[in-house]
């Protein structure tokens, strides 16, 4: 599977925002949601034990309509 330039940039961004999370027993994780055109719609990161996963954080910022056709 070949990633597009937008997908590669999004993955780099997800790694960058993962660093916002605390270091510790839980991993530092970032997530991004892209529109069908490859534009960034939302981002999220794991803020620590007992908080939402990065993907849930990003998904919670968008409506079902905004998520239609999107890529995480």
C-alpha atoms as a PDB file:
ATOM      1  CA  UNK A   1       0.000   0.000   0.000  1.00  0.00           C
ATOM      2  CA  UNK A   2       1.375   3.388  -1.003  1.00  0.00           C
ATOM      3  CA  UNK A   3       0.713   6.452   1.141  1.00  0.00           C
ATOM      4  CA  UNK A   4      -0.056   9.802  -0.432  1.00  0.00           C
ATOM      5  CA  UNK A   5       1.966  12.905   0.393  1.00  0.00           C
ATOM      6  CA  UNK A   6      -0.949  14.139   2.536  1.00  0.00           C
ATOM      7  CA  UNK A   7      -1.039  10.838   4.436  1.00  0.00           C
ATOM      8  CA  UNK A   8       2.713  10.923   5.063  1.00  0.00           C
ATOM      9  CA  UNK A   9       2.473  14.518   6.303  1.00  0.00           C
ATOM     10  CA  UNK A  10      -0.457  13.566   8.536  1.00  0.00           C
ATOM     11  CA  UNK A  11       1.497  10.681  10.047  1.00  0.00           C
ATOM     12  CA  UNK A  12       4.412  13.009  10.773  1.00  0.00           C
ATOM     13  CA  UNK A  13       1.979  15.437  12.419  1.00  0.00           C
ATOM     14  CA  UNK A  14       0.458  12.618  14.503  1.00  0.00           C
ATOM     15  CA  UNK A  15       3.932  11.715  15.768  1.00  0.00           C
ATOM     16  CA  UNK A  16       4.600  15.366  16.615  1.00  0.00           C
ATOM     17  CA  UNK A  17       1.388  15.832  18.597  1.00  0.00           C
ATOM     18  CA  UNK A  18       1.954  12.524  20.388  1.00  0.00           C
ATOM     19  CA  UNK A  19       4.839  14.250  22.152  1.00  0.00           C
ATOM     20  CA  UNK A  20       2.295  16.484  23.911  1.00  0.00           C
ATOM     21  CA  UNK A  21       1.263  13.516  26.030  1.00  0.00           C
ATOM     22  CA  UNK A  22       3.014  12.696  29.280  1.00  0.00           C
ATOM     23  CA  UNK A  23       5.845  10.203  29.389  1.00  0.00           C
ATOM     24  CA  UNK A  24       5.252   7.236  31.616  1.00  0.00           C
ATOM     25  CA  UNK A  25       3.694   3.804  31.573  1.00  0.00           C
ATOM     26  CA  UNK A  26       1.200   4.727  28.859  1.00  0.00           C
ATOM     27  CA  UNK A  27       2.518   5.298  25.337  1.00  0.00           C
ATOM     28  CA  UNK A  28       2.561   8.736  23.747  1.00  0.00           C
ATOM     29  CA  UNK A  29       0.017   8.523  20.913  1.00  0.00           C
ATOM     30  CA  UNK A  30      -1.282  11.096  18.439  1.00  0.00           C
ATOM     31  CA  UNK A  31      -4.078  10.789  15.896  1.00  0.00           C
ATOM     32  CA  UNK A  32      -5.263  12.864  12.966  1.00  0.00           C
ATOM     33  CA  UNK A  33      -8.451  12.802  10.901  1.00  0.00           C
ATOM     34  CA  UNK A  34      -8.193  13.727   7.222  1.00  0.00           C
ATOM     35  CA  UNK A  35     -10.967  14.788   4.859  1.00  0.00           C
ATOM     36  CA  UNK A  36     -11.428  12.839   1.614  1.00  0.00           C
ATOM     37  CA  UNK A  37      -9.336  15.598  -0.035  1.00  0.00           C
ATOM     38  CA  UNK A  38      -6.495  15.046   2.460  1.00  0.00           C
ATOM     39  CA  UNK A  39      -7.088  18.164   4.572  1.00  0.00           C
ATOM     40  CA  UNK A  40      -6.633  17.986   8.346  1.00  0.00           C
ATOM     41  CA  UNK A  41     -10.040  17.949  10.055  1.00  0.00           C
ATOM     42  CA  UNK A  42      -9.065  17.171  13.652  1.00  0.00           C
ATOM     43  CA  UNK A  43      -6.235  15.980  15.837  1.00  0.00           C
ATOM     44  CA  UNK A  44      -6.007  14.372  19.236  1.00  0.00           C
ATOM     45  CA  UNK A  45      -3.520  12.849  21.636  1.00  0.00           C
ATOM     46  CA  UNK A  46      -3.516  10.645  24.691  1.00  0.00           C
ATOM     47  CA  UNK A  47      -3.267  12.899  27.719  1.00  0.00           C
ATOM     48  CA  UNK A  48      -2.469  10.190  30.243  1.00  0.00           C
ATOM     49  CA  UNK A  49      -3.847   7.312  32.272  1.00  0.00           C
ATOM     50  CA  UNK A  50      -7.622   7.353  32.567  1.00  0.00           C
ATOM     51  CA  UNK A  51      -8.140   9.722  29.628  1.00  0.00           C
ATOM     52  CA  UNK A  52      -9.452   9.084  26.131  1.00  0.00           C
ATOM     53  CA  UNK A  53      -7.306   7.396  23.530  1.00  0.00           C
ATOM     54  CA  UNK A  54      -5.858   9.715  20.887  1.00  0.00           C
ATOM     55  CA  UNK A  55      -8.292   8.464  18.246  1.00  0.00           C
ATOM     56  CA  UNK A  56     -11.313   9.048  20.477  1.00  0.00           C
ATOM     57  CA  UNK A  57     -10.030  12.524  21.304  1.00  0.00           C
ATOM     58  CA  UNK A  58      -9.762  13.398  17.595  1.00  0.00           C
ATOM     59  CA  UNK A  59     -13.066  11.769  16.618  1.00  0.00           C
ATOM     60  CA  UNK A  60     -14.960  13.546  19.413  1.00  0.00           C
ATOM     61  CA  UNK A  61     -14.216  16.904  17.794  1.00  0.00           C
ATOM     62  CA  UNK A  62     -16.195  16.132  14.632  1.00  0.00           C
ATOM     63  CA  UNK A  63     -19.821  15.465  13.793  1.00  0.00           C
ATOM     64  CA  UNK A  64     -20.928  12.319  11.955  1.00  0.00           C
ATOM     65  CA  UNK A  65     -21.383  14.436   8.828  1.00  0.00           C
ATOM     66  CA  UNK A  66     -17.805  15.727   9.036  1.00  0.00           C
ATOM     67  CA  UNK A  67     -16.518  12.181   9.467  1.00  0.00           C
ATOM     68  CA  UNK A  68     -18.206  10.846   6.338  1.00  0.00           C
ATOM     69  CA  UNK A  69     -15.448   9.667   3.996  1.00  0.00           C
ATOM     70  CA  UNK A  70     -12.704  10.756   6.401  1.00  0.00           C
ATOM     71  CA  UNK A  71      -9.519   8.809   7.140  1.00  0.00           C
ATOM     72  CA  UNK A  72      -7.938   8.330  10.562  1.00  0.00           C
END
